[in-house]
Amino acid sequence: MEPHCKPSQPTCPAEDLLKIMSGKWRPQIFRLAIEGPLRFSSLLKTLENSNKQSIALALKELEHEGLLEKHVIKLKPLHIAYNLSEKGKTLIAVFRQLEGI
C-alpha cells in the first residue's frame, strides 16, 4: 500500500485532521455529524459529562476550521443545526481510518 503522505507535501491530511480533532468533544461531534445534522441540545444529551460551554466551543472551532456549517432555521423558536461541510465530508475516510487504529 502506497503512503498517502509524501515528504514533498507541506502537510499530511491525517496530520491536519489530528490537529483539528485534538480538542475536547471534537472527535465525538465530528463522528455524530457524519451520521446527520446536529442540534446543540441533542449534543448535550448525547455526550455524557459535557457542558454548554465546552460543546459551544467545540462547535465554534469545528465551524472555524471549515468542517461544520451552521444553519439557522427561522422557525419559532429559532433552531440552529450543524452539518458537515464539503471539507468535512472529504475527511470522513481519513477519520474512519483513524478510528480503526
Foldseek 3Di string as FASTA:
>chain_A
DDDQDDPVDPDGLLVVVCVLCVAPCQLVVLVVLVVHKDFLVVCPVVDPPDDSVRSVVSVVSCVVVQQKDWDWDPDVVITIIIHGGPVNVVCPVSSVVVVVD
